[in-house]
N, C-alpha and C. Protein backbone atom coordinates (compact mmCIF):
# COMPACT_ATOMS: atom_id res chain seq x y z
N MET A 1 9.69 5.75 -4.88
CA MET A 1 9.21 4.65 -4.70
C MET A 1 8.26 3.91 -3.16
N VAL A 2 7.62 2.99 -3.44
CA VAL A 2 7.10 2.45 -2.21
C VAL A 2 7.78 0.94 -2.09
N THR A 3 8.15 0.61 -0.93
CA THR A 3 8.61 -0.54 -0.79
C THR A 3 7.72 -1.45 0.05
N VAL A 4 7.43 -2.54 -0.30
CA VAL A 4 6.74 -3.72 0.13
C VAL A 4 7.58 -4.59 0.96
N THR A 5 7.32 -4.91 2.32
CA THR A 5 8.15 -5.92 2.78
C THR A 5 8.30 -7.27 2.54
N GLU A 6 8.85 -8.25 2.54
CA GLU A 6 8.67 -9.27 2.37
C GLU A 6 7.61 -10.22 3.12
N LYS A 7 7.19 -9.75 4.30
CA LYS A 7 6.17 -10.19 5.26
C LYS A 7 5.20 -9.53 4.72
N ALA A 8 4.71 -8.38 4.35
CA ALA A 8 3.65 -7.91 3.77
C ALA A 8 3.26 -8.66 2.49
N VAL A 9 4.38 -8.82 1.69
CA VAL A 9 4.12 -9.52 0.30
C VAL A 9 3.66 -11.08 0.53
N ASN A 10 4.19 -11.88 1.61
CA ASN A 10 3.73 -13.06 1.93
C ASN A 10 2.19 -12.98 2.30
N GLU A 11 1.65 -11.92 2.97
CA GLU A 11 0.05 -11.95 3.37
C GLU A 11 -0.32 -11.64 2.11
N ILE A 12 0.13 -10.66 1.11
CA ILE A 12 -0.60 -10.34 -0.16
C ILE A 12 -0.98 -11.61 -0.88
N LYS A 13 0.22 -12.36 -0.78
CA LYS A 13 0.16 -13.55 -1.74
C LYS A 13 -0.85 -14.79 -1.10
N ARG A 14 -0.97 -15.01 0.17
CA ARG A 14 -1.85 -15.55 0.76
C ARG A 14 -3.31 -15.45 0.56
N VAL A 15 -3.56 -13.74 0.58
CA VAL A 15 -5.05 -13.23 0.14
C VAL A 15 -5.07 -13.59 -1.21
N ILE A 16 -4.42 -13.15 -2.17
CA ILE A 16 -4.56 -13.57 -3.57
C ILE A 16 -5.03 -15.42 -3.75
N THR A 17 -4.08 -16.06 -3.06
CA THR A 17 -4.64 -17.47 -3.41
C THR A 17 -5.79 -17.78 -2.66
N GLU A 18 -6.08 -17.26 -1.72
CA GLU A 18 -7.55 -17.45 -1.12
C GLU A 18 -8.82 -17.06 -1.61
N GLN A 19 -8.35 -16.04 -2.26
CA GLN A 19 -9.62 -15.54 -3.06
C GLN A 19 -9.52 -15.79 -4.45
N ASN A 20 -8.81 -16.59 -4.95
CA ASN A 20 -8.53 -17.09 -6.30
C ASN A 20 -8.52 -16.06 -7.57
N MET A 21 -7.54 -15.16 -6.97
CA MET A 21 -7.42 -14.04 -7.89
C MET A 21 -6.53 -14.49 -9.23
N PRO A 22 -6.19 -13.86 -10.19
CA PRO A 22 -5.55 -14.42 -11.33
C PRO A 22 -3.99 -13.96 -10.88
N GLU A 23 -2.98 -14.78 -11.61
CA GLU A 23 -1.69 -14.55 -11.16
C GLU A 23 -1.29 -13.14 -11.56
N THR A 24 -1.84 -12.68 -12.76
CA THR A 24 -1.78 -11.18 -13.01
C THR A 24 -1.93 -10.31 -12.11
N THR A 25 -2.74 -10.59 -10.88
CA THR A 25 -3.00 -9.55 -9.89
C THR A 25 -1.90 -8.39 -9.61
N VAL A 26 -2.46 -7.29 -9.65
CA VAL A 26 -1.44 -6.06 -9.19
C VAL A 26 -2.04 -5.30 -7.91
N LEU A 27 -0.81 -5.36 -7.14
CA LEU A 27 -1.46 -4.43 -6.08
C LEU A 27 -1.12 -3.19 -5.95
N ARG A 28 -2.24 -2.39 -5.62
CA ARG A 28 -2.58 -1.21 -5.83
C ARG A 28 -2.27 -0.29 -4.42
N ILE A 29 -1.34 0.52 -4.53
CA ILE A 29 -1.23 1.61 -3.03
C ILE A 29 -1.38 2.50 -3.57
N GLY A 30 -2.25 3.52 -2.80
CA GLY A 30 -2.51 4.93 -3.15
C GLY A 30 -3.03 5.69 -1.79
N VAL A 31 -3.29 6.93 -2.06
CA VAL A 31 -3.84 8.12 -0.92
C VAL A 31 -5.32 8.47 -1.78
N ALA A 32 -5.97 8.65 -0.61
CA ALA A 32 -7.46 9.58 -0.95
C ALA A 32 -7.62 10.53 0.28
N GLY A 33 -8.33 11.47 -0.68
CA GLY A 33 -8.54 12.33 0.77
C GLY A 33 -9.38 11.79 1.71
N GLY A 34 -9.65 12.13 3.05
CA GLY A 34 -10.13 11.86 4.13
C GLY A 34 -9.42 11.62 5.56
N GLY A 35 -10.31 11.06 6.28
CA GLY A 35 -9.67 10.90 7.55
C GLY A 35 -9.97 12.15 8.53
N CYS A 36 -9.30 12.26 9.65
CA CYS A 36 -9.28 13.32 10.62
C CYS A 36 -8.07 14.20 10.18
N SER A 37 -6.79 13.30 9.59
CA SER A 37 -5.83 14.52 9.16
C SER A 37 -5.71 14.69 7.63
N GLY A 38 -6.66 14.59 6.77
CA GLY A 38 -6.47 14.79 5.43
C GLY A 38 -6.29 13.82 4.60
N PHE A 39 -5.57 12.88 4.76
CA PHE A 39 -5.31 11.81 3.69
C PHE A 39 -5.42 10.16 4.38
N GLN A 40 -6.03 9.36 3.62
CA GLN A 40 -5.91 7.90 3.90
C GLN A 40 -5.35 7.25 3.14
N TYR A 41 -4.71 6.11 3.54
CA TYR A 41 -3.88 4.93 2.62
C TYR A 41 -5.14 4.09 2.10
N LYS A 42 -4.83 3.71 0.67
CA LYS A 42 -5.56 3.06 -0.03
C LYS A 42 -4.42 1.49 -0.39
N LEU A 43 -5.42 0.47 -0.32
CA LEU A 43 -4.51 -0.57 -0.55
C LEU A 43 -5.39 -1.71 -1.31
N ASN A 44 -5.46 -1.76 -2.33
CA ASN A 44 -6.29 -2.82 -3.19
C ASN A 44 -5.78 -3.42 -4.19
N PHE A 45 -6.49 -4.49 -4.75
CA PHE A 45 -6.24 -5.25 -5.80
C PHE A 45 -6.53 -4.90 -6.91
N ASP A 46 -5.91 -5.07 -8.02
CA ASP A 46 -6.26 -4.51 -9.53
C ASP A 46 -5.93 -5.71 -10.67
N GLU A 47 -6.71 -5.44 -11.59
CA GLU A 47 -6.47 -6.59 -12.50
C GLU A 47 -5.33 -6.20 -13.64
N ALA A 48 -5.06 -4.80 -13.49
CA ALA A 48 -3.72 -4.51 -14.37
C ALA A 48 -3.44 -3.11 -14.01
N ALA A 49 -2.15 -2.51 -14.40
CA ALA A 49 -1.43 -1.18 -14.13
C ALA A 49 -1.47 -0.77 -15.51
N ASP A 50 -1.55 0.64 -15.73
CA ASP A 50 -1.25 1.28 -16.49
C ASP A 50 0.21 2.21 -16.69
N ALA A 51 0.96 2.04 -17.29
CA ALA A 51 2.37 2.41 -17.20
C ALA A 51 2.21 4.06 -17.37
N ALA A 52 1.16 4.50 -18.11
CA ALA A 52 1.28 6.13 -18.61
C ALA A 52 0.67 6.63 -17.33
N LYS A 53 -0.10 6.10 -16.18
CA LYS A 53 -0.52 6.65 -14.92
C LYS A 53 -0.14 6.22 -13.70
N ASP A 54 0.79 4.88 -13.63
CA ASP A 54 1.07 4.47 -12.44
C ASP A 54 2.60 4.28 -12.70
N HIS A 55 3.34 4.18 -11.55
CA HIS A 55 4.56 3.82 -11.22
C HIS A 55 4.49 2.25 -10.95
N ILE A 56 5.18 1.42 -11.69
CA ILE A 56 5.11 -0.04 -11.48
C ILE A 56 6.41 -0.53 -11.32
N ASN A 57 6.31 -1.69 -10.17
CA ASN A 57 7.58 -2.61 -9.92
C ASN A 57 7.22 -3.85 -9.40
N GLU A 58 8.01 -4.65 -9.30
CA GLU A 58 7.85 -5.90 -8.82
C GLU A 58 8.64 -6.05 -7.64
N GLN A 59 8.15 -6.46 -6.46
CA GLN A 59 8.67 -6.86 -5.32
C GLN A 59 8.21 -8.01 -5.04
N TYR A 60 9.49 -9.23 -4.63
CA TYR A 60 8.97 -10.68 -4.11
C TYR A 60 7.94 -11.21 -4.89
N GLY A 61 7.98 -10.98 -6.22
CA GLY A 61 7.46 -12.00 -7.03
C GLY A 61 5.74 -11.26 -7.22
N ILE A 62 5.54 -9.91 -6.71
CA ILE A 62 4.25 -9.55 -7.18
C ILE A 62 4.38 -8.14 -7.58
N LYS A 63 3.61 -7.60 -8.57
CA LYS A 63 3.68 -6.26 -9.13
C LYS A 63 2.95 -5.35 -8.13
N VAL A 64 3.65 -4.04 -8.09
CA VAL A 64 3.01 -2.90 -7.10
C VAL A 64 2.75 -2.04 -8.22
N ALA A 65 1.64 -1.18 -8.13
CA ALA A 65 1.33 -0.06 -8.85
C ALA A 65 0.79 0.95 -7.78
N VAL A 66 1.57 2.34 -8.02
CA VAL A 66 1.24 3.22 -7.18
C VAL A 66 1.01 4.56 -8.37
N ASP A 67 -0.38 4.77 -8.17
CA ASP A 67 -0.69 6.31 -9.33
C ASP A 67 0.19 7.43 -9.05
N LYS A 68 0.46 7.99 -10.03
CA LYS A 68 1.47 9.11 -9.98
C LYS A 68 1.07 10.19 -9.19
N LYS A 69 -0.34 10.28 -9.02
CA LYS A 69 -0.74 11.59 -7.85
C LYS A 69 -0.29 11.17 -6.51
N SER A 70 -0.77 9.94 -6.14
CA SER A 70 -0.36 9.06 -4.80
C SER A 70 1.09 9.00 -4.90
N ASP A 71 1.92 8.96 -5.70
CA ASP A 71 3.17 8.75 -5.62
C ASP A 71 4.00 9.96 -4.73
N LEU A 72 3.44 11.11 -5.08
CA LEU A 72 3.84 12.38 -4.21
C LEU A 72 3.88 12.44 -2.95
N PHE A 73 3.09 11.65 -2.49
CA PHE A 73 2.65 11.74 -1.09
C PHE A 73 3.58 10.20 -0.33
N LEU A 74 3.79 9.39 -1.35
CA LEU A 74 4.24 8.03 -0.59
C LEU A 74 5.62 7.83 -0.95
N ASP A 75 6.14 8.70 -1.56
CA ASP A 75 7.70 8.49 -2.11
C ASP A 75 8.50 7.89 -0.85
N GLY A 76 9.29 6.93 -0.74
CA GLY A 76 9.83 6.37 0.15
C GLY A 76 9.13 5.72 1.37
N THR A 77 8.00 5.42 1.11
CA THR A 77 7.02 4.71 2.14
C THR A 77 7.19 3.35 2.22
N THR A 78 7.35 2.64 3.31
CA THR A 78 7.42 1.12 3.56
C THR A 78 6.03 0.78 4.00
N VAL A 79 5.69 -0.52 3.22
CA VAL A 79 4.28 -0.87 3.76
C VAL A 79 4.84 -2.39 4.42
N ASP A 80 4.18 -2.64 5.35
CA ASP A 80 4.89 -3.66 6.15
C ASP A 80 3.40 -4.54 6.95
N PHE A 81 3.57 -5.85 7.27
CA PHE A 81 2.38 -6.25 7.95
C PHE A 81 2.71 -6.81 9.10
N TYR A 82 1.94 -6.39 10.08
CA TYR A 82 2.01 -6.54 11.52
C TYR A 82 1.03 -7.83 11.97
N ASP A 83 1.82 -8.61 12.66
CA ASP A 83 0.59 -9.66 13.31
C ASP A 83 0.71 -10.14 14.95
N GLY A 84 0.07 -9.51 15.71
CA GLY A 84 0.39 -9.53 16.94
C GLY A 84 -0.47 -9.99 17.73
N LEU A 85 -0.45 -9.98 19.03
CA LEU A 85 -1.77 -10.44 19.83
C LEU A 85 -2.88 -9.25 19.84
N GLU A 86 -2.42 -8.06 19.86
CA GLU A 86 -3.56 -6.90 20.13
C GLU A 86 -3.99 -6.37 18.67
N LYS A 87 -3.56 -6.75 17.64
CA LYS A 87 -3.88 -6.33 16.09
C LYS A 87 -3.15 -6.99 15.21
N ARG A 88 -3.66 -6.92 14.04
CA ARG A 88 -3.00 -7.64 12.83
C ARG A 88 -3.39 -6.82 11.74
N GLY A 89 -2.58 -6.29 10.47
CA GLY A 89 -2.62 -5.52 9.42
C GLY A 89 -1.77 -4.99 8.67
N PHE A 90 -1.55 -4.34 7.81
CA PHE A 90 -0.71 -3.61 7.27
C PHE A 90 -0.27 -2.28 7.98
N THR A 91 0.84 -2.13 7.84
CA THR A 91 1.28 -0.84 8.42
C THR A 91 2.16 0.23 7.49
N PHE A 92 1.83 1.51 7.30
CA PHE A 92 2.82 2.29 6.44
C PHE A 92 3.62 3.23 7.35
N GLU A 93 5.12 3.09 6.79
CA GLU A 93 5.74 4.00 7.40
C GLU A 93 6.20 4.92 6.62
N ASN A 94 5.71 6.04 6.54
CA ASN A 94 5.84 7.31 5.62
C ASN A 94 6.86 8.44 6.18
N PRO A 95 7.83 8.55 5.47
CA PRO A 95 8.79 9.56 5.98
C PRO A 95 8.04 11.12 5.49
N ASN A 96 7.17 11.22 4.76
CA ASN A 96 6.56 12.61 4.31
C ASN A 96 5.48 13.21 5.47
N VAL A 97 5.31 12.27 6.08
CA VAL A 97 4.03 12.46 7.12
C VAL A 97 4.64 13.72 8.05
N THR A 98 3.61 14.80 8.12
CA THR A 98 4.05 15.54 9.38
C THR A 98 3.12 15.83 10.40
N ARG A 99 1.89 14.98 10.47
CA ARG A 99 0.99 14.86 11.26
C ARG A 99 0.11 13.74 11.05
N SER A 100 -0.19 12.68 12.03
CA SER A 100 -0.98 11.65 11.77
C SER A 100 -2.08 11.88 12.82
N CYS A 101 -3.18 11.09 12.92
CA CYS A 101 -4.01 11.00 13.69
C CYS A 101 -3.94 9.77 14.64
N GLY A 102 -4.61 9.67 16.05
CA GLY A 102 -4.42 8.72 16.93
C GLY A 102 -4.68 7.25 16.60
N CYS A 103 -5.78 7.07 15.52
CA CYS A 103 -5.82 5.78 14.89
C CYS A 103 -4.79 5.34 13.72
N GLY A 104 -3.94 6.22 13.50
CA GLY A 104 -3.00 5.76 12.56
C GLY A 104 -3.34 5.39 11.08
N SER A 105 -4.41 5.84 10.53
CA SER A 105 -4.94 5.67 9.54
C SER A 105 -5.23 6.85 8.57
N SER A 106 -5.02 7.88 9.20
CA SER A 106 -5.19 9.12 8.24
C SER A 106 -3.60 10.11 8.58
N PHE A 107 -3.51 10.97 7.70
CA PHE A 107 -2.15 11.66 7.98
C PHE A 107 -2.10 12.85 7.05
N SER A 108 -1.46 13.70 7.52
CA SER A 108 -1.20 15.12 6.38
C SER A 108 0.35 15.16 6.33
N VAL A 109 0.59 15.73 5.06
CA VAL A 109 1.92 15.94 4.50
C VAL A 109 2.23 17.46 4.62
């Protein structure tokens, strides 16, 4: 299971509100091949999730969907939001990572 922190959910809710997305919007978290280490994180919004293809749960009032293939690489991951002077964005703490690149956006397991 992927955990989304309350701080990350607050930022997600802000984006959903600012972009006038429907209240039924789902946060979709996944991985895709690419980057210098093999995989990259994906964070998107979707109109719906499919229980046959996705692991779905609700965290702090939003639905989170992780496709079953990505779940193999993301199990135990925590998604947070960092808002500092030098950078701002979502962070992934993934216990399955064996190597990551210097930019922090790609990884291998």
